[in-house]
Amino acid sequence: MIKRCAYHFSAAVTMGKARRKTRSRRQGPGKSLFGKPFDGGKRMDHGGPQDQQQHPAEQQQPYHPQHPAMMRLYEVQKEVSTLGPQVCTFSGLQNDREYKRMERELTQLLLQVDQVDTEGKLELQGARKRAAQEVEGLLRYLEENASHPSRLAIEDLSIAARELVDERVVAPQRAGGVAEINDELVDALQELVLRLTQIKTEGRVPLRKARYRALTRLCAVQDVLESRTPQQTLSLPLSGDTHEAVNRINQVMVKVSMARSQLLALLMGLSGRDSCAHLSRILTELQVELDALDVSGNAAIRNYRKQVVEEINGLLKHLDLEGEGDDTRRYDLAQNNSIREIEAVRAHVSHLREGVLRHCVVGDLSFRPKAELQSLLTHLDQVDTAKNPCIREARRRAVVEVQAIITFLDLREALVCRQPGPEEHPSHRAVWLVLGSLSDLQAQVLGFDGKRADKSYMMLEELLTKQLLALDAVDPQGDTSTKVARKQAVKFAQNILNYLDMKTDEWEY
C-alpha cells in the first residue's frame, strides 16, 4: 500500500503558488488524482471514486493548464480514473483475460507518462512523478491481489470443489449414468465451505469478493444437491395409464434432471458453452409447458405437476449468480444487518463475561446471569443467515462464546456444592481435582485477549494439555461413575482448548 505523500516547498515559492492556486480555484479546474499516490483503493468505494477533501497545503495545481506536458498528463488522469475502479474490484487471477488487459493498459500508461517532456521544470517533474506513482500503485495493487496467498487458497478450494462435483455428479450424468449423491458428498462440500469461510481477506475488497463468489456458488450446489436427495425416495413418476398428461409431465421431469446437471456444471465452471440465461429460458419454457397441461381436476396429477414446478423454481433461483458479486456488496458483511445483530449480542456477552470474571475473583458466586445468557442464545438462533456461510460461522462463534460462560458457571456451582463422602472412589476424587484446575484455567481463557504468539497463550495451551494427560492417567479401576466423569472432563478440557483456538484464529467475516 503506497503511503500518501505531500510535497513541501520553500516559503517564498509557496506564497507565489498560493496566489496562482487562488486564481485557478476561481477558474474551477477538475480534481486531480495525482495530488497523492495511489493508496491501495482507499479512495475507491467498491469501484467508485470517493471525493476526498485535501488539506490546502497538499493540493497540487498544474504549472500551465495549456502546457503540452500537462495536457498529456490530464489525458492519463482520465484513463486512470476509468481503470482505478476496475482494478480496485478485480477479483480474478493473473492468468485471467481481464487481468492481462488491465495490466497491459496500465503499463502503456506508465510508458506514456515516462515519455512526457518536463523541459526540466520542477512542477512538471513533480506532476509527472505523481502520475507515475498513481499508475505504479494501481499495477502493484492489481498484482498483489491476484497473486495473494488468500486468493490462491480460494482458487485451490474452488478447484477441489469443481473436481468433486464433476467426478460424482456431472460426469456420470453426462455419460448417461446416475449421480452419486449421498451424505459423504454433502459432508465433503460442507468441509470445503467451512475452509473457505476461514480464509483471511485482510479487508481487501477483491479478496472479499472472490471468497464471496466462491461461497455463493458452492452453497448453491449444496442446495441443489440437498433438494435432489429426497426426490430419489418418492414414488414418481406416475404411470402413463393414469392420465394422458402424465406422459408429458414425465418428459418434463427428464428435461429437468438434465437441466439440474447443466446448472451444477455452470455453478462449478464446468460448462464452457451453456450460460445461465440460456438455461433460464429452457426452464421457463418447461414451466409454460406444464401450465398448459389439462389435468382435468385430478388431484394426484395436480400435485405431481406442482412438485415438478417447484423443482424448476428451485433451479431458477440459482441462475442469478452470474452477476452476483459484481452488482451487489454482499461480500462486505460489515454492513450486513445480521452481522450487526450478532455483533450487538457479542458486545452484550463480553459485558456479562467481564462481570462474571470480576465476581469470581472475589469468590462471589451470586452473579449468575444464566437466564440472560439463555435469552441471548435464543436471540442468536433467530438471526437470519440468508444461507450465507460466513454469517452462519459468525453466529456459531457467538453461540460458542455464550456457551463457554454457561459451562463455566455450571462447573463453578458444581465445585462449590460438591460434598464428597468417605466412600468416594479415589479415582473419582482425582477427576474432580482435575476439574477444579480446569475451572481455574477456563477463567483465564475467558479473560484471554491475546494472540497465539503470546507467551500467555502458550502457557495456557500447555497447562490444558497437562490436564488432559492427568485425566488420561486416571485409572477408573472398574468404577462406572469414574469412567463417566473422566469422559465428561476430557470433553470439557477439549472444549476449553477449542475455545482458546477460536479466540486466537483471527477469523474475519
Protein backbone atom coordinates (compact mmCIF):
# COMPACT_ATOMS: atom_id res chain seq x y z
CA MET A 1 0.00 0.00 0.00
CA ILE A 2 1.62 3.24 -1.12
CA LYS A 3 1.62 5.96 1.51
CA ARG A 4 0.24 9.34 0.56
CA CYS A 5 2.90 11.99 0.11
CA ALA A 6 2.82 15.79 0.37
CA TYR A 7 5.37 17.94 -1.32
CA HIS A 8 6.60 20.98 0.56
CA PHE A 9 8.44 23.94 -0.89
CA SER A 10 10.14 26.99 0.47
CA ALA A 11 8.05 29.76 1.99
CA ALA A 12 8.66 32.18 -0.87
CA VAL A 13 7.66 29.70 -3.56
CA THR A 14 4.61 28.66 -1.51
CA MET A 15 3.35 32.26 -1.31
CA GLY A 16 3.72 32.67 -5.07
CA LYS A 17 1.88 29.45 -5.72
CA ALA A 18 -0.86 30.32 -3.28
CA ARG A 19 -1.79 33.27 -5.48
CA ARG A 20 -1.85 31.05 -8.54
CA LYS A 21 -3.95 28.46 -6.63
CA THR A 22 -6.49 31.11 -5.71
CA ARG A 23 -6.84 32.15 -9.34
CA SER A 24 -7.05 28.53 -10.55
CA ARG A 25 -9.73 27.66 -7.94
CA ARG A 26 -11.80 30.55 -9.23
CA GLN A 27 -11.49 29.03 -12.69
CA GLY A 28 -12.85 25.76 -11.23
CA PRO A 29 -10.44 23.06 -12.54
CA GLY A 30 -11.33 19.40 -12.09
CA LYS A 31 -9.86 17.46 -9.18
CA SER A 32 -6.65 15.59 -9.92
CA LEU A 33 -5.99 12.02 -8.94
CA PHE A 34 -2.31 12.90 -8.97
CA GLY A 35 -2.44 15.04 -5.84
CA LYS A 36 -1.30 11.93 -3.96
CA PRO A 37 0.00 8.50 -4.97
CA PHE A 38 -2.37 5.54 -5.18
CA ASP A 39 -3.47 4.48 -1.70
CA GLY A 40 -4.47 0.88 -2.40
CA GLY A 41 -8.10 1.62 -3.19
CA LYS A 42 -8.99 3.58 -0.05
CA ARG A 43 -10.30 6.42 -2.20
CA MET A 44 -12.48 3.94 -4.06
CA ASP A 45 -15.82 2.77 -2.70
CA HIS A 46 -16.36 -0.65 -4.29
CA GLY A 47 -15.30 0.64 -7.64
CA GLY A 48 -16.49 4.25 -7.43
CA PRO A 49 -14.15 7.16 -6.74
CA GLN A 50 -14.73 8.91 -3.45
CA ASP A 51 -14.37 12.64 -3.15
CA GLN A 52 -11.65 13.33 -0.64
CA GLN A 53 -11.07 16.72 0.99
CA GLN A 54 -7.38 17.55 0.88
CA HIS A 55 -5.51 20.00 3.04
CA PRO A 56 -4.74 23.18 1.09
CA ALA A 57 -1.03 22.61 1.58
CA GLU A 58 -1.39 19.17 -0.07
CA GLN A 59 -3.34 20.28 -3.17
CA GLN A 60 -1.20 20.31 -6.29
CA GLN A 61 -2.06 22.58 -9.20
CA PRO A 62 -0.73 22.45 -12.77
CA TYR A 63 2.19 24.51 -13.91
CA HIS A 64 0.39 25.72 -17.04
CA PRO A 65 -3.02 24.16 -17.88
CA GLN A 66 -2.35 24.51 -21.61
CA HIS A 67 1.21 23.23 -21.47
CA PRO A 68 1.59 20.13 -23.71
CA ALA A 69 3.06 18.12 -20.84
CA MET A 70 0.13 18.94 -18.54
CA MET A 71 -2.38 18.26 -21.29
CA ARG A 72 -0.89 14.79 -21.75
CA LEU A 73 -0.93 14.14 -18.01
CA TYR A 74 -4.59 15.18 -17.88
CA GLU A 75 -5.36 12.57 -20.53
CA VAL A 76 -3.54 9.95 -18.47
CA GLN A 77 -5.55 11.07 -15.43
CA LYS A 78 -8.83 10.42 -17.25
CA GLU A 79 -7.72 6.91 -18.22
CA VAL A 80 -6.55 6.18 -14.67
CA SER A 81 -9.89 7.37 -13.27
CA THR A 82 -11.55 4.76 -15.51
CA LEU A 83 -9.14 1.94 -14.74
CA GLY A 84 -8.90 2.63 -10.99
CA PRO A 85 -12.35 1.29 -10.01
CA GLN A 86 -11.83 -1.77 -12.21
CA VAL A 87 -8.52 -2.56 -10.53
CA CYS A 88 -9.91 -1.99 -7.03
CA THR A 89 -12.72 -4.53 -7.52
CA PHE A 90 -10.98 -7.10 -9.75
CA SER A 91 -11.19 -10.48 -8.00
CA GLY A 92 -9.61 -12.77 -10.58
CA LEU A 93 -6.17 -14.30 -11.11
CA GLN A 94 -3.12 -13.32 -13.12
CA ASN A 95 -3.98 -15.66 -16.00
CA ASP A 96 -7.43 -14.10 -16.47
CA ARG A 97 -8.03 -12.17 -19.67
CA GLU A 98 -9.32 -9.16 -17.73
CA TYR A 99 -6.14 -9.06 -15.62
CA LYS A 100 -3.92 -9.11 -18.68
CA ARG A 101 -5.96 -6.32 -20.29
CA MET A 102 -5.69 -4.04 -17.26
CA GLU A 103 -2.00 -4.84 -16.80
CA ARG A 104 -1.34 -4.04 -20.46
CA GLU A 105 -3.26 -0.75 -20.35
CA LEU A 106 -1.59 0.37 -17.11
CA THR A 107 1.85 -0.49 -18.49
CA GLN A 108 1.12 1.56 -21.60
CA LEU A 109 0.05 4.48 -19.41
CA LEU A 110 3.27 4.20 -17.43
CA LEU A 111 5.29 4.35 -20.66
CA GLN A 112 3.30 7.37 -21.80
CA VAL A 113 3.95 9.16 -18.51
CA ASP A 114 7.65 8.34 -18.78
CA GLN A 115 7.75 9.92 -22.25
CA VAL A 116 6.28 13.27 -21.08
CA ASP A 117 8.85 16.03 -21.64
CA THR A 118 9.05 18.20 -18.50
CA GLU A 119 11.64 20.56 -20.01
CA GLY A 120 13.49 20.44 -16.72
CA LYS A 121 10.75 22.35 -14.87
CA LEU A 122 10.27 21.25 -11.24
CA GLU A 123 6.46 21.50 -11.19
CA LEU A 124 6.09 19.44 -14.34
CA GLN A 125 8.53 16.89 -12.96
CA GLY A 126 6.50 16.68 -9.75
CA ALA A 127 3.26 16.21 -11.66
CA ARG A 128 4.83 13.50 -13.81
CA LYS A 129 6.25 11.77 -10.74
CA ARG A 130 2.87 11.71 -9.02
CA ALA A 131 1.22 10.40 -12.18
CA ALA A 132 3.77 7.60 -12.38
CA GLN A 133 3.24 6.77 -8.70
CA GLU A 134 -0.52 6.56 -9.22
CA VAL A 135 -0.18 4.17 -12.15
CA GLU A 136 2.50 2.10 -10.40
CA GLY A 137 0.28 1.87 -7.35
CA LEU A 138 -2.59 0.50 -9.41
CA LEU A 139 -0.27 -2.04 -11.05
CA ARG A 140 1.05 -3.13 -7.68
CA TYR A 141 -2.43 -3.39 -6.16
CA LEU A 142 -3.63 -5.43 -9.14
CA GLU A 143 -0.70 -7.85 -8.89
CA GLU A 144 -0.82 -8.14 -5.08
CA ASN A 145 -4.48 -9.17 -5.02
CA ALA A 146 -4.31 -11.54 -7.99
CA SER A 147 -1.29 -13.36 -6.53
CA HIS A 148 -2.18 -13.02 -2.84
CA PRO A 149 -1.86 -16.30 -0.88
CA SER A 150 -5.51 -16.00 0.22
CA ARG A 151 -6.62 -15.58 -3.41
CA LEU A 152 -4.66 -18.68 -4.40
CA ALA A 153 -6.15 -20.58 -1.45
CA ILE A 154 -9.65 -19.62 -2.63
CA GLU A 155 -8.82 -20.89 -6.10
CA ASP A 156 -7.41 -24.18 -4.75
CA LEU A 157 -10.60 -24.86 -2.77
CA SER A 158 -12.74 -23.91 -5.78
CA ILE A 159 -10.81 -26.38 -7.93
CA ALA A 160 -11.22 -29.10 -5.29
CA ALA A 161 -14.99 -28.48 -5.23
CA ARG A 162 -15.13 -28.45 -9.03
CA GLU A 163 -13.34 -31.78 -9.31
CA LEU A 164 -15.55 -33.33 -6.64
CA VAL A 165 -18.81 -32.26 -8.29
CA ASP A 166 -17.54 -33.24 -11.74
CA GLU A 167 -16.47 -36.72 -10.62
CA ARG A 168 -19.52 -37.52 -8.52
CA VAL A 169 -22.37 -35.71 -10.29
CA VAL A 170 -21.76 -34.03 -13.66
CA ALA A 171 -19.58 -36.61 -15.43
CA PRO A 172 -21.80 -39.65 -14.57
CA GLN A 173 -24.95 -37.84 -15.74
CA ARG A 174 -23.31 -36.74 -18.99
CA ALA A 175 -22.31 -40.34 -19.58
CA GLY A 176 -25.94 -41.43 -19.10
CA GLY A 177 -25.32 -42.86 -15.65
CA VAL A 178 -26.59 -41.96 -12.19
CA ALA A 179 -25.04 -39.28 -10.00
CA GLU A 180 -23.57 -40.36 -6.65
CA ILE A 181 -25.48 -38.01 -4.34
CA ASN A 182 -25.10 -39.12 -0.74
CA ASP A 183 -24.18 -37.85 2.72
CA GLU A 184 -20.47 -38.32 2.01
CA LEU A 185 -20.64 -35.89 -0.92
CA VAL A 186 -22.67 -33.34 1.06
CA ASP A 187 -20.23 -33.56 4.01
CA ALA A 188 -17.23 -33.12 1.70
CA LEU A 189 -18.76 -29.98 0.19
CA GLN A 190 -19.59 -28.66 3.66
CA GLU A 191 -15.95 -29.10 4.69
CA LEU A 192 -14.86 -27.04 1.67
CA VAL A 193 -17.38 -24.34 2.58
CA LEU A 194 -16.04 -24.18 6.13
CA ARG A 195 -12.46 -23.87 4.88
CA LEU A 196 -13.49 -21.06 2.54
CA THR A 197 -15.09 -19.10 5.37
CA GLN A 198 -11.83 -19.32 7.32
CA ILE A 199 -9.69 -17.72 4.60
CA LYS A 200 -8.48 -14.29 5.68
CA THR A 201 -9.00 -11.39 3.27
CA GLU A 202 -7.28 -8.64 5.28
CA GLY A 203 -10.24 -6.41 4.48
CA ARG A 204 -9.31 -6.26 0.77
CA VAL A 205 -12.34 -5.80 -1.47
CA PRO A 206 -11.03 -8.07 -4.30
CA LEU A 207 -10.32 -10.91 -1.87
CA ARG A 208 -13.67 -10.50 -0.12
CA LYS A 209 -15.37 -10.53 -3.49
CA ALA A 210 -13.51 -13.67 -4.66
CA ARG A 211 -14.33 -15.51 -1.43
CA TYR A 212 -17.97 -14.47 -1.60
CA ARG A 213 -18.36 -15.58 -5.22
CA ALA A 214 -16.80 -18.97 -4.45
CA LEU A 215 -19.00 -19.45 -1.40
CA THR A 216 -22.26 -18.48 -3.11
CA ARG A 217 -21.68 -20.96 -5.90
CA LEU A 218 -20.66 -23.77 -3.59
CA CYS A 219 -23.66 -23.14 -1.33
CA ALA A 220 -25.92 -23.12 -4.38
CA VAL A 221 -24.53 -26.54 -5.37
CA GLN A 222 -25.21 -27.78 -1.84
CA ASP A 223 -28.79 -26.52 -2.04
CA VAL A 224 -29.38 -28.17 -5.43
CA LEU A 225 -27.96 -31.49 -4.24
CA GLU A 226 -29.84 -31.47 -0.94
CA SER A 227 -33.13 -30.73 -2.71
CA ARG A 228 -32.34 -33.53 -5.15
CA THR A 229 -31.80 -36.20 -2.47
CA PRO A 230 -35.44 -36.59 -1.30
CA GLN A 231 -36.59 -36.92 -4.91
CA GLN A 232 -34.93 -40.31 -5.08
CA THR A 233 -37.31 -41.71 -2.42
CA LEU A 234 -40.58 -40.53 -3.99
CA SER A 235 -42.88 -42.93 -5.83
CA LEU A 236 -42.64 -40.93 -9.03
CA PRO A 237 -43.12 -40.72 -11.95
CA LEU A 238 -46.71 -41.87 -12.09
CA SER A 239 -47.86 -44.44 -14.58
CA GLY A 240 -48.79 -43.11 -18.02
CA ASP A 241 -52.05 -45.09 -17.84
CA THR A 242 -53.30 -42.82 -15.03
CA HIS A 243 -53.82 -39.80 -17.27
CA GLU A 244 -52.62 -38.63 -20.69
CA ALA A 245 -50.96 -35.59 -19.08
CA VAL A 246 -48.70 -37.84 -17.01
CA ASN A 247 -46.53 -38.76 -20.01
CA ARG A 248 -45.94 -35.05 -20.73
CA ILE A 249 -45.01 -34.40 -17.10
CA ASN A 250 -42.65 -37.41 -17.14
CA GLN A 251 -40.92 -35.99 -20.21
CA VAL A 252 -40.54 -32.63 -18.46
CA MET A 253 -39.02 -34.37 -15.42
CA VAL A 254 -36.35 -35.91 -17.63
CA LYS A 255 -35.51 -32.48 -19.03
CA VAL A 256 -35.45 -31.01 -15.51
CA SER A 257 -32.96 -33.69 -14.47
CA MET A 258 -30.74 -32.73 -17.41
CA ALA A 259 -31.14 -29.04 -16.52
CA ARG A 260 -30.05 -29.79 -12.97
CA SER A 261 -26.83 -31.31 -14.23
CA GLN A 262 -26.26 -28.30 -16.50
CA LEU A 263 -26.85 -25.93 -13.58
CA LEU A 264 -24.29 -27.74 -11.42
CA ALA A 265 -21.81 -27.56 -14.29
CA LEU A 266 -22.47 -23.84 -14.68
CA LEU A 267 -22.08 -23.14 -10.97
CA MET A 268 -18.77 -25.01 -10.83
CA GLY A 269 -17.42 -23.59 -14.09
CA LEU A 270 -17.57 -26.95 -15.85
CA SER A 271 -19.63 -25.76 -18.82
CA GLY A 272 -17.93 -23.71 -21.48
CA ARG A 273 -20.87 -23.40 -23.87
CA ASP A 274 -24.01 -23.03 -21.79
CA SER A 275 -24.95 -19.82 -19.98
CA CYS A 276 -27.29 -19.05 -17.10
CA ALA A 277 -29.53 -17.03 -19.45
CA HIS A 278 -29.85 -19.96 -21.87
CA LEU A 279 -30.67 -22.43 -19.10
CA SER A 280 -33.17 -19.97 -17.62
CA ARG A 281 -35.02 -19.83 -20.94
CA ILE A 282 -35.17 -23.64 -21.09
CA LEU A 283 -36.60 -23.93 -17.57
CA THR A 284 -39.10 -21.13 -18.19
CA GLU A 285 -40.33 -22.92 -21.34
CA LEU A 286 -40.79 -26.09 -19.29
CA GLN A 287 -42.90 -24.13 -16.79
CA VAL A 288 -45.07 -22.79 -19.61
CA GLU A 289 -45.48 -26.32 -20.96
CA LEU A 290 -46.60 -27.58 -17.54
CA ASP A 291 -49.03 -24.69 -17.07
CA ALA A 292 -50.69 -25.52 -20.39
CA LEU A 293 -51.47 -29.10 -19.37
CA ASP A 294 -55.08 -30.05 -18.69
CA VAL A 295 -55.12 -32.21 -15.58
CA SER A 296 -58.96 -32.45 -15.58
CA GLY A 297 -59.34 -31.89 -11.86
CA ASN A 298 -57.28 -34.92 -10.91
CA ALA A 299 -55.74 -34.12 -7.50
CA ALA A 300 -52.87 -36.63 -7.82
CA ILE A 301 -51.86 -35.21 -11.22
CA ARG A 302 -52.10 -31.65 -9.91
CA ASN A 303 -49.79 -32.48 -7.02
CA TYR A 304 -47.40 -34.23 -9.41
CA ARG A 305 -47.27 -31.18 -11.67
CA LYS A 306 -46.93 -28.85 -8.67
CA GLN A 307 -43.94 -30.79 -7.42
CA VAL A 308 -42.18 -30.57 -10.79
CA VAL A 309 -42.92 -26.82 -11.00
CA GLU A 310 -41.45 -26.31 -7.52
CA GLU A 311 -38.31 -28.16 -8.55
CA ILE A 312 -37.97 -25.90 -11.59
CA ASN A 313 -38.40 -22.84 -9.39
CA GLY A 314 -35.71 -24.20 -7.09
CA LEU A 315 -33.29 -24.36 -10.02
CA LEU A 316 -34.26 -20.93 -11.38
CA LYS A 317 -33.44 -19.15 -8.13
CA HIS A 318 -29.77 -20.12 -8.55
CA LEU A 319 -29.47 -18.72 -12.07
CA ASP A 320 -28.87 -15.12 -11.00
CA LEU A 321 -25.35 -15.91 -9.76
CA GLU A 322 -23.57 -14.85 -12.97
CA GLY A 323 -23.61 -11.23 -11.84
CA GLU A 324 -23.55 -11.96 -8.12
CA GLY A 325 -20.65 -10.16 -6.51
CA ASP A 326 -20.48 -7.64 -9.37
CA ASP A 327 -23.79 -5.91 -8.78
CA THR A 328 -24.03 -6.30 -5.01
CA ARG A 329 -21.98 -5.51 -1.92
CA ARG A 330 -22.98 -8.60 -0.04
CA TYR A 331 -19.36 -9.60 0.37
CA ASP A 332 -18.86 -6.52 2.58
CA LEU A 333 -20.52 -8.15 5.58
CA ALA A 334 -19.56 -5.37 7.98
CA GLN A 335 -22.68 -3.57 6.71
CA ASN A 336 -24.89 -6.67 6.89
CA ASN A 337 -27.84 -6.35 9.30
CA SER A 338 -27.47 -9.93 10.57
CA ILE A 339 -23.78 -9.37 11.30
CA ARG A 340 -24.62 -6.16 13.13
CA GLU A 341 -27.17 -8.07 15.18
CA ILE A 342 -24.61 -10.76 16.02
CA GLU A 343 -22.03 -8.14 16.96
CA ALA A 344 -24.52 -6.47 19.29
CA VAL A 345 -25.07 -9.82 21.03
CA ARG A 346 -21.30 -10.37 21.28
CA ALA A 347 -20.86 -6.95 22.89
CA HIS A 348 -23.51 -7.89 25.48
CA VAL A 349 -21.81 -11.25 26.05
CA SER A 350 -18.47 -9.50 26.57
CA HIS A 351 -20.04 -7.28 29.22
CA LEU A 352 -21.55 -10.28 31.02
CA ARG A 353 -18.28 -12.22 30.81
CA GLU A 354 -16.38 -9.36 32.46
CA GLY A 355 -18.96 -9.25 35.25
CA VAL A 356 -18.76 -12.99 35.84
CA LEU A 357 -14.95 -12.97 35.99
CA ARG A 358 -14.91 -9.91 38.25
CA HIS A 359 -17.22 -11.59 40.77
CA CYS A 360 -15.33 -14.89 40.61
CA VAL A 361 -12.06 -13.17 41.51
CA VAL A 362 -13.50 -12.14 44.88
CA GLY A 363 -15.24 -15.50 45.36
CA ASP A 364 -18.74 -14.08 44.82
CA LEU A 365 -20.95 -16.62 43.03
CA SER A 366 -24.17 -14.63 43.41
CA PHE A 367 -23.79 -13.10 39.93
CA ARG A 368 -25.24 -15.80 37.70
CA PRO A 369 -26.76 -14.29 34.55
CA LYS A 370 -27.70 -17.69 33.11
CA ALA A 371 -31.23 -16.62 32.22
CA GLU A 372 -29.87 -13.64 30.34
CA LEU A 373 -27.32 -15.83 28.56
CA GLN A 374 -30.04 -18.31 27.56
CA SER A 375 -32.10 -15.47 26.12
CA LEU A 376 -29.07 -14.43 24.04
CA LEU A 377 -28.83 -17.97 22.69
CA THR A 378 -32.48 -17.76 21.67
CA HIS A 379 -31.81 -14.41 20.02
CA LEU A 380 -28.87 -15.83 18.05
CA ASP A 381 -30.98 -18.78 16.94
CA GLN A 382 -33.43 -16.33 15.36
CA VAL A 383 -30.78 -14.39 13.40
CA ASP A 384 -31.39 -14.70 9.65
CA THR A 385 -28.23 -16.05 7.99
CA ALA A 386 -29.74 -15.99 4.47
CA LYS A 387 -27.83 -19.26 3.90
CA ASN A 388 -24.62 -17.23 3.89
CA PRO A 389 -21.87 -19.47 5.32
CA CYS A 390 -19.88 -16.51 6.68
CA ILE A 391 -22.90 -15.28 8.65
CA ARG A 392 -23.57 -18.84 9.83
CA GLU A 393 -19.98 -19.10 11.06
CA ALA A 394 -20.23 -15.71 12.80
CA ARG A 395 -23.40 -16.88 14.56
CA ARG A 396 -21.81 -20.21 15.53
CA ARG A 397 -18.87 -18.40 17.12
CA ALA A 398 -21.17 -16.14 19.08
CA VAL A 399 -23.08 -19.19 20.33
CA VAL A 400 -19.79 -20.79 21.45
CA GLU A 401 -18.92 -17.63 23.40
CA VAL A 402 -22.25 -17.75 25.25
CA GLN A 403 -22.00 -21.48 25.95
CA ALA A 404 -18.46 -21.07 27.30
CA ILE A 405 -19.73 -18.73 30.04
CA ILE A 406 -22.67 -21.01 30.86
CA THR A 407 -20.46 -24.09 31.26
CA PHE A 408 -18.01 -22.08 33.37
CA LEU A 409 -20.83 -21.04 35.74
CA ASP A 410 -22.21 -24.58 35.90
CA LEU A 411 -18.82 -26.08 36.81
CA ARG A 412 -18.15 -23.41 39.44
CA GLU A 413 -21.50 -24.11 41.02
CA ALA A 414 -20.90 -27.87 40.94
CA LEU A 415 -17.50 -27.46 42.61
CA VAL A 416 -18.98 -25.30 45.37
CA CYS A 417 -21.91 -27.64 46.00
CA ARG A 418 -19.80 -30.80 45.87
CA GLN A 419 -19.84 -32.79 49.11
CA PRO A 420 -17.67 -35.90 48.72
CA GLY A 421 -18.46 -38.76 51.04
CA PRO A 422 -15.94 -41.01 52.84
CA GLU A 423 -16.74 -43.83 50.45
CA GLU A 424 -15.91 -41.82 47.32
CA HIS A 425 -13.68 -43.75 44.94
CA PRO A 426 -10.10 -42.35 44.83
CA SER A 427 -10.17 -42.23 41.02
CA HIS A 428 -13.42 -40.25 41.12
CA ARG A 429 -11.82 -37.79 43.55
CA ALA A 430 -8.84 -37.44 41.18
CA VAL A 431 -11.18 -36.48 38.32
CA TRP A 432 -12.78 -33.78 40.45
CA LEU A 433 -9.34 -32.38 41.34
CA VAL A 434 -8.60 -32.03 37.62
CA LEU A 435 -11.99 -30.37 37.08
CA GLY A 436 -11.09 -27.82 39.76
CA SER A 437 -7.87 -27.00 37.90
CA LEU A 438 -9.77 -26.81 34.60
CA SER A 439 -12.22 -24.34 36.12
CA ASP A 440 -9.37 -22.02 37.10
CA LEU A 441 -7.81 -22.36 33.64
CA GLN A 442 -11.15 -21.69 31.96
CA ALA A 443 -11.41 -18.40 33.85
CA GLN A 444 -8.04 -17.41 32.40
CA VAL A 445 -9.11 -18.50 28.91
CA LEU A 446 -12.34 -16.47 29.16
CA GLY A 447 -10.32 -13.39 30.05
CA PHE A 448 -7.57 -14.01 27.48
CA ASP A 449 -7.36 -11.36 24.77
CA GLY A 450 -4.05 -12.02 23.04
CA LYS A 451 -2.58 -13.86 20.09
CA ARG A 452 -1.15 -17.32 19.55
CA ALA A 453 2.37 -15.96 19.55
CA ASP A 454 1.93 -14.63 23.11
CA LYS A 455 3.64 -16.47 25.96
CA SER A 456 0.39 -16.48 27.94
CA TYR A 457 -1.32 -18.38 25.11
CA MET A 458 1.42 -21.00 25.01
CA MET A 459 1.30 -21.34 28.79
CA LEU A 460 -2.48 -21.85 28.79
CA GLU A 461 -2.26 -24.39 25.98
CA GLU A 462 0.46 -26.30 27.81
CA LEU A 463 -1.44 -26.30 31.12
CA LEU A 464 -4.64 -27.51 29.46
CA THR A 465 -2.73 -30.27 27.70
CA LYS A 466 -1.25 -31.34 31.05
CA GLN A 467 -4.77 -31.62 32.49
CA LEU A 468 -5.75 -33.86 29.60
CA LEU A 469 -2.71 -36.05 30.33
CA ALA A 470 -3.68 -36.11 34.02
CA LEU A 471 -7.16 -37.35 33.09
CA ASP A 472 -5.66 -39.94 30.81
CA ALA A 473 -3.57 -41.20 33.73
CA VAL A 474 -6.64 -41.72 35.96
CA ASP A 475 -7.40 -45.42 36.34
CA PRO A 476 -11.17 -45.92 36.90
CA GLN A 477 -10.48 -49.40 38.32
CA GLY A 478 -13.82 -50.57 37.03
CA ASP A 479 -15.80 -47.75 38.69
CA THR A 480 -18.61 -46.76 36.32
CA SER A 481 -19.15 -43.27 37.75
CA THR A 482 -15.44 -42.53 37.39
CA LYS A 483 -15.49 -43.60 33.74
CA VAL A 484 -18.42 -41.27 33.01
CA ALA A 485 -16.87 -38.40 34.97
CA ARG A 486 -13.50 -38.79 33.26
CA LYS A 487 -15.11 -38.87 29.82
CA GLN A 488 -17.04 -35.67 30.57
CA ALA A 489 -13.92 -34.00 31.98
CA VAL A 490 -11.91 -34.85 28.84
CA LYS A 491 -14.62 -33.37 26.65
CA PHE A 492 -14.73 -30.29 28.86
CA ALA A 493 -10.95 -29.79 28.59
CA GLN A 494 -11.05 -30.23 24.82
CA ASN A 495 -13.86 -27.67 24.57
CA ILE A 496 -11.73 -25.16 26.50
CA LEU A 497 -8.82 -25.78 24.12
CA ASN A 498 -11.10 -25.37 21.10
CA TYR A 499 -12.48 -22.14 22.55
CA LEU A 500 -8.94 -20.82 23.10
CA ASP A 501 -8.09 -21.67 19.48
CA MET A 502 -11.24 -19.95 18.25
CA LYS A 503 -10.42 -16.78 20.18
CA THR A 504 -6.99 -16.59 18.56
CA ASP A 505 -7.52 -17.76 14.97
CA GLU A 506 -8.07 -14.16 13.75
CA TRP A 507 -11.18 -15.15 11.82
CA GLU A 508 -12.93 -12.39 9.86
CA TYR A 509 -16.23 -12.01 8.05
